[in-house]
């Protein structure tokens, strides 16, 4: 994915109420259960069905590095879906999200103002409407640039325009992102 999609996924994993399975055998057992069969789990991981069965029996204990990464990612993607959905729903309806970023912000504003882009560190809470838009766009398969545009619009309205109380014609460019962290 991209920096925004990864940050949204990371924020979602922070809402889990139980730890992820640690051993490859436990991860494989969970994946087989969640995909409803060894064949589906094998297809997800790009390995044979027999290899999945060997992991379940404990005949193979340590996966290759690339397989371990794919297995951990598939487990993380499927772990506690109701908890994940509840946290997203709460953020999209009542709490909003917190976004912390260090990036270059430039402006298009009235003549005579300073519009040179500069790096800023911003920590801001975005209202539930922007959280809902981000989640809906991510679920619809939006690109990272589209998620970035939604976040830029939210920061523009909340941080730079102060909820519409100042700078009425201001347009913000959100570029050169160093990092983005999102939290619920």
C-alpha atoms as a PDB file:
ATOM      1  CA  UNK A   1       0.000   0.000   0.000  1.00  0.00           C
ATOM      2  CA  UNK A   2       1.314   3.499   0.714  1.00  0.00           C
ATOM      3  CA  UNK A   3       2.241   5.657   3.640  1.00  0.00           C
ATOM      4  CA  UNK A   4      -1.366   6.672   4.458  1.00  0.00           C
ATOM      5  CA  UNK A   5      -2.877   3.225   3.954  1.00  0.00           C
ATOM      6  CA  UNK A   6      -0.158   1.650   6.085  1.00  0.00           C
ATOM      7  CA  UNK A   7      -0.663   4.254   8.798  1.00  0.00           C
ATOM      8  CA  UNK A   8      -4.422   3.593   8.868  1.00  0.00           C
ATOM      9  CA  UNK A   9      -3.785  -0.149   9.113  1.00  0.00           C
ATOM     10  CA  UNK A  10      -1.243   0.372  11.890  1.00  0.00           C
ATOM     11  CA  UNK A  11      -3.712   2.522  13.833  1.00  0.00           C
ATOM     12  CA  UNK A  12      -6.324  -0.187  13.447  1.00  0.00           C
ATOM     13  CA  UNK A  13      -3.987  -2.876  14.771  1.00  0.00           C
ATOM     14  CA  UNK A  14      -3.451  -0.717  17.852  1.00  0.00           C
ATOM     15  CA  UNK A  15      -7.076  -1.341  18.826  1.00  0.00           C
ATOM     16  CA  UNK A  16      -6.724  -5.123  19.197  1.00  0.00           C
ATOM     17  CA  UNK A  17      -7.777  -6.488  22.573  1.00  0.00           C
ATOM     18  CA  UNK A  18      -5.708  -9.687  22.375  1.00  0.00           C
ATOM     19  CA  UNK A  19      -2.181 -10.246  21.058  1.00  0.00           C
ATOM     20  CA  UNK A  20      -1.626 -11.828  17.668  1.00  0.00           C
ATOM     21  CA  UNK A  21      -0.562 -15.500  17.567  1.00  0.00           C
ATOM     22  CA  UNK A  22       3.212 -15.668  17.817  1.00  0.00           C
ATOM     23  CA  UNK A  23       4.352 -19.098  16.637  1.00  0.00           C
ATOM     24  CA  UNK A  24       4.112 -20.084  12.967  1.00  0.00           C
ATOM     25  CA  UNK A  25       1.976 -23.095  13.931  1.00  0.00           C
ATOM     26  CA  UNK A  26      -0.524 -20.919  15.827  1.00  0.00           C
ATOM     27  CA  UNK A  27      -0.567 -18.373  12.998  1.00  0.00           C
ATOM     28  CA  UNK A  28      -1.188 -21.113  10.448  1.00  0.00           C
ATOM     29  CA  UNK A  29      -3.955 -22.637  12.604  1.00  0.00           C
ATOM     30  CA  UNK A  30      -5.680 -19.249  12.792  1.00  0.00           C
ATOM     31  CA  UNK A  31      -5.293 -18.636   9.059  1.00  0.00           C
ATOM     32  CA  UNK A  32      -6.736 -22.055   8.182  1.00  0.00           C
ATOM     33  CA  UNK A  33      -9.681 -21.426  10.487  1.00  0.00           C
ATOM     34  CA  UNK A  34     -10.357 -17.939   9.133  1.00  0.00           C
ATOM     35  CA  UNK A  35     -10.084 -18.975   5.472  1.00  0.00           C
ATOM     36  CA  UNK A  36     -12.114 -22.132   6.146  1.00  0.00           C
ATOM     37  CA  UNK A  37      -9.632 -24.679   4.874  1.00  0.00           C
ATOM     38  CA  UNK A  38      -6.054 -25.586   4.145  1.00  0.00           C
ATOM     39  CA  UNK A  39      -6.444 -25.118   0.387  1.00  0.00           C
ATOM     40  CA  UNK A  40      -7.593 -21.486   0.749  1.00  0.00           C
ATOM     41  CA  UNK A  41      -4.805 -20.760   3.240  1.00  0.00           C
ATOM     42  CA  UNK A  42      -2.244 -22.269   0.866  1.00  0.00           C
ATOM     43  CA  UNK A  43      -3.532 -20.140  -2.011  1.00  0.00           C
ATOM     44  CA  UNK A  44      -3.312 -16.996   0.135  1.00  0.00           C
ATOM     45  CA  UNK A  45       0.292 -17.741   1.040  1.00  0.00           C
ATOM     46  CA  UNK A  46       1.407 -19.080  -2.339  1.00  0.00           C
ATOM     47  CA  UNK A  47       2.470 -22.471  -0.973  1.00  0.00           C
ATOM     48  CA  UNK A  48       1.177 -26.023  -1.331  1.00  0.00           C
ATOM     49  CA  UNK A  49      -1.683 -27.423   0.702  1.00  0.00           C
ATOM     50  CA  UNK A  50       0.640 -30.127   1.986  1.00  0.00           C
ATOM     51  CA  UNK A  51       3.031 -27.505   3.381  1.00  0.00           C
ATOM     52  CA  UNK A  52       0.161 -25.923   5.296  1.00  0.00           C
ATOM     53  CA  UNK A  53      -0.726 -29.330   6.723  1.00  0.00           C
ATOM     54  CA  UNK A  54       2.895 -29.839   7.802  1.00  0.00           C
ATOM     55  CA  UNK A  55       2.822 -26.559   9.710  1.00  0.00           C
ATOM     56  CA  UNK A  56      -0.401 -27.603  11.420  1.00  0.00           C
ATOM     57  CA  UNK A  57       1.109 -30.929  12.504  1.00  0.00           C
ATOM     58  CA  UNK A  58       4.272 -29.227  13.734  1.00  0.00           C
ATOM     59  CA  UNK A  59       6.516 -30.993  11.218  1.00  0.00           C
ATOM     60  CA  UNK A  60       7.791 -27.630   9.966  1.00  0.00           C
ATOM     61  CA  UNK A  61       8.611 -25.191  12.731  1.00  0.00           C
ATOM     62  CA  UNK A  62      10.387 -22.232  11.087  1.00  0.00           C
ATOM     63  CA  UNK A  63       9.139 -20.737   7.805  1.00  0.00           C
ATOM     64  CA  UNK A  64      11.379 -19.010   5.304  1.00  0.00           C
ATOM     65  CA  UNK A  65      11.740 -15.286   5.849  1.00  0.00           C
ATOM     66  CA  UNK A  66       9.428 -14.291   2.978  1.00  0.00           C
ATOM     67  CA  UNK A  67       6.794 -16.846   3.981  1.00  0.00           C
ATOM     68  CA  UNK A  68       6.954 -15.713   7.624  1.00  0.00           C
ATOM     69  CA  UNK A  69       6.287 -12.129   6.515  1.00  0.00           C
ATOM     70  CA  UNK A  70       3.335 -13.147   4.303  1.00  0.00           C
ATOM     71  CA  UNK A  71       1.908 -15.342   7.064  1.00  0.00           C
ATOM     72  CA  UNK A  72       2.166 -12.591   9.681  1.00  0.00           C
ATOM     73  CA  UNK A  73       0.559 -10.081   7.297  1.00  0.00           C
ATOM     74  CA  UNK A  74      -2.358 -12.396   6.460  1.00  0.00           C
ATOM     75  CA  UNK A  75      -2.972 -13.084  10.165  1.00  0.00           C
ATOM     76  CA  UNK A  76      -2.784  -9.364  11.009  1.00  0.00           C
ATOM     77  CA  UNK A  77      -5.240  -8.573   8.198  1.00  0.00           C
ATOM     78  CA  UNK A  78      -7.817 -11.066   9.548  1.00  0.00           C
ATOM     79  CA  UNK A  79      -7.296 -10.720  13.313  1.00  0.00           C
ATOM     80  CA  UNK A  80     -10.290  -9.481  15.335  1.00  0.00           C
ATOM     81  CA  UNK A  81     -12.431  -8.039  12.524  1.00  0.00           C
ATOM     82  CA  UNK A  82     -15.269  -6.971  14.830  1.00  0.00           C
ATOM     83  CA  UNK A  83     -12.928  -5.109  17.176  1.00  0.00           C
ATOM     84  CA  UNK A  84     -11.340  -3.402  14.164  1.00  0.00           C
ATOM     85  CA  UNK A  85     -14.723  -2.441  12.726  1.00  0.00           C
ATOM     86  CA  UNK A  86     -15.973  -1.156  16.073  1.00  0.00           C
ATOM     87  CA  UNK A  87     -12.906   1.089  16.462  1.00  0.00           C
ATOM     88  CA  UNK A  88     -13.264   2.448  12.923  1.00  0.00           C
ATOM     89  CA  UNK A  89     -16.971   3.050  13.446  1.00  0.00           C
ATOM     90  CA  UNK A  90     -16.354   4.927  16.676  1.00  0.00           C
ATOM     91  CA  UNK A  91     -13.665   7.066  15.031  1.00  0.00           C
ATOM     92  CA  UNK A  92     -15.925   7.779  12.045  1.00  0.00           C
ATOM     93  CA  UNK A  93     -18.960   8.750  14.125  1.00  0.00           C
ATOM     94  CA  UNK A  94     -17.865  10.257  17.456  1.00  0.00           C
ATOM     95  CA  UNK A  95     -14.135  10.532  18.155  1.00  0.00           C
ATOM     96  CA  UNK A  96     -12.376  11.357  14.898  1.00  0.00           C
ATOM     97  CA  UNK A  97      -8.717  10.569  14.350  1.00  0.00           C
ATOM     98  CA  UNK A  98      -5.413  12.091  15.370  1.00  0.00           C
ATOM     99  CA  UNK A  99      -2.893  12.712  12.636  1.00  0.00           C
ATOM    100  CA  UNK A 100       0.745  13.541  13.246  1.00  0.00           C
ATOM    101  CA  UNK A 101       2.870  14.363  10.249  1.00  0.00           C
ATOM    102  CA  UNK A 102       6.065  16.039   9.233  1.00  0.00           C
ATOM    103  CA  UNK A 103       5.751  17.242   5.678  1.00  0.00           C
ATOM    104  CA  UNK A 104       6.141  20.224   3.408  1.00  0.00           C
ATOM    105  CA  UNK A 105       3.107  22.496   3.315  1.00  0.00           C
ATOM    106  CA  UNK A 106       2.715  25.171   0.656  1.00  0.00           C
ATOM    107  CA  UNK A 107      -0.131  27.592   0.114  1.00  0.00           C
ATOM    108  CA  UNK A 108      -2.125  29.260  -2.620  1.00  0.00           C
ATOM    109  CA  UNK A 109      -3.649  32.330  -1.032  1.00  0.00           C
ATOM    110  CA  UNK A 110      -4.349  36.016  -1.537  1.00  0.00           C
ATOM    111  CA  UNK A 111      -1.578  38.146  -3.069  1.00  0.00           C
ATOM    112  CA  UNK A 112       0.911  39.521  -0.590  1.00  0.00           C
ATOM    113  CA  UNK A 113       0.975  36.456   1.663  1.00  0.00           C
ATOM    114  CA  UNK A 114       3.885  34.115   2.199  1.00  0.00           C
ATOM    115  CA  UNK A 115       3.251  31.034   0.115  1.00  0.00           C
ATOM    116  CA  UNK A 116       6.694  29.408   0.235  1.00  0.00           C
ATOM    117  CA  UNK A 117       6.417  25.755   1.118  1.00  0.00           C
ATOM    118  CA  UNK A 118       8.153  24.776   4.330  1.00  0.00           C
ATOM    119  CA  UNK A 119       8.439  21.701   6.478  1.00  0.00           C
ATOM    120  CA  UNK A 120       6.082  21.622   9.430  1.00  0.00           C
ATOM    121  CA  UNK A 121       5.431  19.160  12.220  1.00  0.00           C
ATOM    122  CA  UNK A 122       1.683  19.050  12.783  1.00  0.00           C
ATOM    123  CA  UNK A 123      -0.306  17.062  15.314  1.00  0.00           C
ATOM    124  CA  UNK A 124      -4.015  17.612  14.853  1.00  0.00           C
ATOM    125  CA  UNK A 125      -7.300  15.895  15.607  1.00  0.00           C
ATOM    126  CA  UNK A 126      -9.504  15.592  12.547  1.00  0.00           C
ATOM    127  CA  UNK A 127     -13.278  15.408  13.062  1.00  0.00           C
ATOM    128  CA  UNK A 128     -15.262  12.211  12.434  1.00  0.00           C
ATOM    129  CA  UNK A 129     -16.340  13.366   8.971  1.00  0.00           C
ATOM    130  CA  UNK A 130     -12.755  13.232   7.691  1.00  0.00           C
ATOM    131  CA  UNK A 131     -12.129   9.931   9.450  1.00  0.00           C
ATOM    132  CA  UNK A 132     -15.210   8.474   7.739  1.00  0.00           C
ATOM    133  CA  UNK A 133     -14.037   9.771   4.367  1.00  0.00           C
ATOM    134  CA  UNK A 134     -10.591   8.237   4.864  1.00  0.00           C
ATOM    135  CA  UNK A 135     -12.021   4.850   5.888  1.00  0.00           C
ATOM    136  CA  UNK A 136     -14.548   4.825   3.041  1.00  0.00           C
ATOM    137  CA  UNK A 137     -11.885   5.744   0.496  1.00  0.00           C
ATOM    138  CA  UNK A 138      -9.526   3.065   1.813  1.00  0.00           C
ATOM    139  CA  UNK A 139     -12.299   0.452   1.693  1.00  0.00           C
ATOM    140  CA  UNK A 140     -13.102   1.484  -1.882  1.00  0.00           C
ATOM    141  CA  UNK A 141      -9.474   0.889  -2.875  1.00  0.00           C
ATOM    142  CA  UNK A 142      -8.385   4.513  -3.164  1.00  0.00           C
ATOM    143  CA  UNK A 143      -4.782   5.260  -3.994  1.00  0.00           C
ATOM    144  CA  UNK A 144      -2.423   6.697  -1.429  1.00  0.00           C
ATOM    145  CA  UNK A 145      -2.582  10.050  -3.243  1.00  0.00           C
ATOM    146  CA  UNK A 146      -6.355  10.167  -2.796  1.00  0.00           C
ATOM    147  CA  UNK A 147      -6.001   9.417   0.932  1.00  0.00           C
ATOM    148  CA  UNK A 148      -3.349  12.133   1.119  1.00  0.00           C
ATOM    149  CA  UNK A 149      -5.719  14.620  -0.556  1.00  0.00           C
ATOM    150  CA  UNK A 150      -8.453  13.878   1.998  1.00  0.00           C
ATOM    151  CA  UNK A 151      -6.000  14.355   4.875  1.00  0.00           C
ATOM    152  CA  UNK A 152      -4.697  17.575   3.284  1.00  0.00           C
ATOM    153  CA  UNK A 153      -8.249  18.915   3.010  1.00  0.00           C
ATOM    154  CA  UNK A 154      -8.892  18.071   6.658  1.00  0.00           C
ATOM    155  CA  UNK A 155      -5.687  19.753   7.823  1.00  0.00           C
ATOM    156  CA  UNK A 156      -6.466  22.743   5.627  1.00  0.00           C
ATOM    157  CA  UNK A 157      -9.906  23.236   7.155  1.00  0.00           C
ATOM    158  CA  UNK A 158      -9.085  22.437  10.769  1.00  0.00           C
ATOM    159  CA  UNK A 159      -5.468  23.529  11.266  1.00  0.00           C
ATOM    160  CA  UNK A 160      -4.821  26.272   8.731  1.00  0.00           C
ATOM    161  CA  UNK A 161      -8.313  27.806   8.358  1.00  0.00           C
ATOM    162  CA  UNK A 162      -9.288  27.246  12.010  1.00  0.00           C
ATOM    163  CA  UNK A 163     -12.699  25.737  11.167  1.00  0.00           C
ATOM    164  CA  UNK A 164     -13.370  28.468   8.577  1.00  0.00           C
ATOM    165  CA  UNK A 165     -12.696  31.402  10.922  1.00  0.00           C
ATOM    166  CA  UNK A 166      -9.713  32.712   8.958  1.00  0.00           C
ATOM    167  CA  UNK A 167      -7.957  32.563   5.563  1.00  0.00           C
ATOM    168  CA  UNK A 168     -11.075  32.019   3.417  1.00  0.00           C
ATOM    169  CA  UNK A 169      -9.305  31.498   0.049  1.00  0.00           C
ATOM    170  CA  UNK A 170      -6.409  29.414   1.315  1.00  0.00           C
ATOM    171  CA  UNK A 171      -5.489  26.225  -0.564  1.00  0.00           C
ATOM    172  CA  UNK A 172      -2.885  23.925   1.007  1.00  0.00           C
ATOM    173  CA  UNK A 173      -0.438  21.649  -0.820  1.00  0.00           C
ATOM    174  CA  UNK A 174       0.674  18.674   1.271  1.00  0.00           C
ATOM    175  CA  UNK A 175       3.928  17.277  -0.211  1.00  0.00           C
ATOM    176  CA  UNK A 176       7.317  15.749   0.668  1.00  0.00           C
ATOM    177  CA  UNK A 177       5.917  13.638   3.493  1.00  0.00           C
ATOM    178  CA  UNK A 178       8.568  12.536   5.960  1.00  0.00           C
ATOM    179  CA  UNK A 179       6.159  10.460   8.049  1.00  0.00           C
ATOM    180  CA  UNK A 180       2.487  10.161   8.927  1.00  0.00           C
ATOM    181  CA  UNK A 181       1.083   8.530  12.050  1.00  0.00           C
ATOM    182  CA  UNK A 182      -2.638   8.131  12.531  1.00  0.00           C
ATOM    183  CA  UNK A 183      -4.277   7.118  15.778  1.00  0.00           C
ATOM    184  CA  UNK A 184      -7.862   6.626  16.940  1.00  0.00           C
END
